[in-house]
């Protein structure tokens, strides 16, 4: 038979375990939503690119000077598009790194709490 202190300790431990499981579940949902949003962004850009390329003048790639510059004669639009894509990639990698760091920190805290 347990005394009162052991019961209180068991209840607190169970509450910590439930809170940890709740954080893990919430983190998985956020990560899944983030991955879905990135996938939708990539698919959307993939669908939009043929339209962008169709709007370019015919014969754009007739000489080797345009081999490395896809948007060579389209003015600043190509630079803006590449800049936006680079920015989105940077934001995505930053958010992913932050989420992984946060998850690792929470797991370390949980393991330290479990050792007590």
C-alpha atoms as a PDB file:
ATOM      1  CA  UNK A   1       0.000   0.000   0.000  1.00  0.00           C
ATOM      2  CA  UNK A   2       1.277   3.454  -0.915  1.00  0.00           C
ATOM      3  CA  UNK A   3       1.422   6.366   1.440  1.00  0.00           C
ATOM      4  CA  UNK A   4       0.261   9.880   0.551  1.00  0.00           C
ATOM      5  CA  UNK A   5       3.664  11.127  -0.596  1.00  0.00           C
ATOM      6  CA  UNK A   6       4.077   8.238  -3.015  1.00  0.00           C
ATOM      7  CA  UNK A   7       0.599   8.832  -4.443  1.00  0.00           C
ATOM      8  CA  UNK A   8       1.257  12.559  -4.931  1.00  0.00           C
ATOM      9  CA  UNK A   9       4.592  11.777  -6.574  1.00  0.00           C
ATOM     10  CA  UNK A  10       2.932   9.233  -8.898  1.00  0.00           C
ATOM     11  CA  UNK A  11       0.217  11.735  -9.862  1.00  0.00           C
ATOM     12  CA  UNK A  12       2.797  14.450 -10.615  1.00  0.00           C
ATOM     13  CA  UNK A  13       4.844  12.020 -12.670  1.00  0.00           C
ATOM     14  CA  UNK A  14       1.767  10.969 -14.647  1.00  0.00           C
ATOM     15  CA  UNK A  15       0.855  14.634 -15.237  1.00  0.00           C
ATOM     16  CA  UNK A  16       4.373  15.324 -16.574  1.00  0.00           C
ATOM     17  CA  UNK A  17       4.122  12.295 -18.854  1.00  0.00           C
ATOM     18  CA  UNK A  18       0.753  13.437 -20.226  1.00  0.00           C
ATOM     19  CA  UNK A  19       2.103  16.950 -20.801  1.00  0.00           C
ATOM     20  CA  UNK A  20       5.134  15.532 -22.622  1.00  0.00           C
ATOM     21  CA  UNK A  21       2.913  13.393 -24.843  1.00  0.00           C
ATOM     22  CA  UNK A  22       0.750  16.437 -25.588  1.00  0.00           C
ATOM     23  CA  UNK A  23       3.817  18.468 -26.617  1.00  0.00           C
ATOM     24  CA  UNK A  24       5.057  15.647 -28.828  1.00  0.00           C
ATOM     25  CA  UNK A  25       1.649  15.318 -30.508  1.00  0.00           C
ATOM     26  CA  UNK A  26       1.420  19.089 -31.059  1.00  0.00           C
ATOM     27  CA  UNK A  27       4.960  19.153 -32.473  1.00  0.00           C
ATOM     28  CA  UNK A  28       4.149  16.374 -34.907  1.00  0.00           C
ATOM     29  CA  UNK A  29       1.024  18.180 -36.091  1.00  0.00           C
ATOM     30  CA  UNK A  30       2.942  21.439 -36.619  1.00  0.00           C
ATOM     31  CA  UNK A  31       5.728  19.610 -38.451  1.00  0.00           C
ATOM     32  CA  UNK A  32       3.217  17.812 -40.685  1.00  0.00           C
ATOM     33  CA  UNK A  33       1.461  21.101 -41.482  1.00  0.00           C
ATOM     34  CA  UNK A  34       4.782  22.769 -42.252  1.00  0.00           C
ATOM     35  CA  UNK A  35       5.805  19.916 -44.557  1.00  0.00           C
ATOM     36  CA  UNK A  36       2.416  20.046 -46.306  1.00  0.00           C
ATOM     37  CA  UNK A  37       2.706  23.807 -46.812  1.00  0.00           C
ATOM     38  CA  UNK A  38       6.200  23.429 -48.301  1.00  0.00           C
ATOM     39  CA  UNK A  39       4.991  20.674 -50.596  1.00  0.00           C
ATOM     40  CA  UNK A  40       2.056  22.803 -51.755  1.00  0.00           C
ATOM     41  CA  UNK A  41       4.425  25.713 -52.391  1.00  0.00           C
ATOM     42  CA  UNK A  42       6.721  23.540 -54.493  1.00  0.00           C
ATOM     43  CA  UNK A  43       3.791  22.073 -56.437  1.00  0.00           C
ATOM     44  CA  UNK A  44       2.306  25.528 -56.994  1.00  0.00           C
ATOM     45  CA  UNK A  45       5.587  26.899 -58.301  1.00  0.00           C
ATOM     46  CA  UNK A  46       6.033  23.829 -60.496  1.00  0.00           C
ATOM     47  CA  UNK A  47       2.607  24.376 -62.018  1.00  0.00           C
ATOM     48  CA  UNK A  48       3.267  28.103 -62.526  1.00  0.00           C
ATOM     49  CA  UNK A  49       6.669  27.748 -64.197  1.00  0.00           C
ATOM     50  CA  UNK A  50       5.412  26.496 -67.606  1.00  0.00           C
ATOM     51  CA  UNK A  51       3.191  29.574 -67.817  1.00  0.00           C
ATOM     52  CA  UNK A  52       6.127  31.827 -67.026  1.00  0.00           C
ATOM     53  CA  UNK A  53       8.284  30.077 -69.588  1.00  0.00           C
ATOM     54  CA  UNK A  54       5.511  30.210 -72.219  1.00  0.00           C
ATOM     55  CA  UNK A  55       5.321  33.975 -71.796  1.00  0.00           C
ATOM     56  CA  UNK A  56       8.943  34.366 -72.849  1.00  0.00           C
ATOM     57  CA  UNK A  57       9.691  35.225 -76.483  1.00  0.00           C
ATOM     58  CA  UNK A  58      10.387  32.376 -78.900  1.00  0.00           C
ATOM     59  CA  UNK A  59      14.002  31.634 -79.648  1.00  0.00           C
ATOM     60  CA  UNK A  60      15.155  32.826 -76.249  1.00  0.00           C
ATOM     61  CA  UNK A  61      17.527  29.900 -76.036  1.00  0.00           C
ATOM     62  CA  UNK A  62      18.903  30.132 -79.582  1.00  0.00           C
ATOM     63  CA  UNK A  63      22.413  30.983 -78.496  1.00  0.00           C
ATOM     64  CA  UNK A  64      24.662  29.728 -75.726  1.00  0.00           C
ATOM     65  CA  UNK A  65      24.661  33.027 -73.878  1.00  0.00           C
ATOM     66  CA  UNK A  66      21.322  32.139 -72.311  1.00  0.00           C
ATOM     67  CA  UNK A  67      22.380  28.691 -71.144  1.00  0.00           C
ATOM     68  CA  UNK A  68      22.947  29.904 -67.578  1.00  0.00           C
ATOM     69  CA  UNK A  69      20.476  32.801 -67.557  1.00  0.00           C
ATOM     70  CA  UNK A  70      16.949  31.498 -67.810  1.00  0.00           C
ATOM     71  CA  UNK A  71      15.424  34.961 -67.546  1.00  0.00           C
ATOM     72  CA  UNK A  72      18.095  36.811 -69.503  1.00  0.00           C
ATOM     73  CA  UNK A  73      15.811  39.078 -71.551  1.00  0.00           C
ATOM     74  CA  UNK A  74      12.805  39.299 -69.287  1.00  0.00           C
ATOM     75  CA  UNK A  75      14.084  42.307 -67.368  1.00  0.00           C
ATOM     76  CA  UNK A  76      14.068  42.259 -63.596  1.00  0.00           C
ATOM     77  CA  UNK A  77      11.305  39.675 -63.275  1.00  0.00           C
ATOM     78  CA  UNK A  78      13.756  36.770 -63.327  1.00  0.00           C
ATOM     79  CA  UNK A  79      15.879  38.311 -60.614  1.00  0.00           C
ATOM     80  CA  UNK A  80      12.824  38.970 -58.464  1.00  0.00           C
ATOM     81  CA  UNK A  81      11.590  35.408 -58.934  1.00  0.00           C
ATOM     82  CA  UNK A  82      14.976  33.883 -58.107  1.00  0.00           C
ATOM     83  CA  UNK A  83      15.304  36.205 -55.107  1.00  0.00           C
ATOM     84  CA  UNK A  84      11.885  35.210 -53.788  1.00  0.00           C
ATOM     85  CA  UNK A  85      12.639  31.535 -54.245  1.00  0.00           C
ATOM     86  CA  UNK A  86      15.964  31.924 -52.434  1.00  0.00           C
ATOM     87  CA  UNK A  87      14.239  33.817 -49.632  1.00  0.00           C
ATOM     88  CA  UNK A  88      11.555  31.140 -49.277  1.00  0.00           C
ATOM     89  CA  UNK A  89      14.210  28.430 -49.205  1.00  0.00           C
ATOM     90  CA  UNK A  90      16.130  30.324 -46.532  1.00  0.00           C
ATOM     91  CA  UNK A  91      13.020  30.814 -44.413  1.00  0.00           C
ATOM     92  CA  UNK A  92      12.095  27.157 -44.781  1.00  0.00           C
ATOM     93  CA  UNK A  93      15.532  25.949 -43.725  1.00  0.00           C
ATOM     94  CA  UNK A  94      15.600  28.400 -40.807  1.00  0.00           C
ATOM     95  CA  UNK A  95      12.195  27.270 -39.535  1.00  0.00           C
ATOM     96  CA  UNK A  96      13.150  23.633 -39.930  1.00  0.00           C
ATOM     97  CA  UNK A  97      16.402  24.175 -38.025  1.00  0.00           C
ATOM     98  CA  UNK A  98      14.579  26.058 -35.272  1.00  0.00           C
ATOM     99  CA  UNK A  99      11.979  23.294 -34.929  1.00  0.00           C
ATOM    100  CA  UNK A 100      14.667  20.605 -34.736  1.00  0.00           C
ATOM    101  CA  UNK A 101      16.600  22.595 -32.137  1.00  0.00           C
ATOM    102  CA  UNK A 102      13.436  23.112 -30.082  1.00  0.00           C
ATOM    103  CA  UNK A 103      12.564  19.425 -30.273  1.00  0.00           C
ATOM    104  CA  UNK A 104      16.068  18.391 -29.177  1.00  0.00           C
ATOM    105  CA  UNK A 105      15.982  20.843 -26.288  1.00  0.00           C
ATOM    106  CA  UNK A 106      12.582  19.542 -25.123  1.00  0.00           C
ATOM    107  CA  UNK A 107      13.779  15.943 -25.357  1.00  0.00           C
ATOM    108  CA  UNK A 108      16.856  16.798 -23.268  1.00  0.00           C
ATOM    109  CA  UNK A 109      14.676  18.512 -20.663  1.00  0.00           C
ATOM    110  CA  UNK A 110      12.345  15.517 -20.583  1.00  0.00           C
ATOM    111  CA  UNK A 111      15.235  13.115 -20.137  1.00  0.00           C
ATOM    112  CA  UNK A 112      16.653  15.262 -17.330  1.00  0.00           C
ATOM    113  CA  UNK A 113      13.229  15.337 -15.631  1.00  0.00           C
ATOM    114  CA  UNK A 114      12.974  11.557 -15.948  1.00  0.00           C
ATOM    115  CA  UNK A 115      16.346  11.083 -14.271  1.00  0.00           C
ATOM    116  CA  UNK A 116      15.220  12.874 -11.099  1.00  0.00           C
END
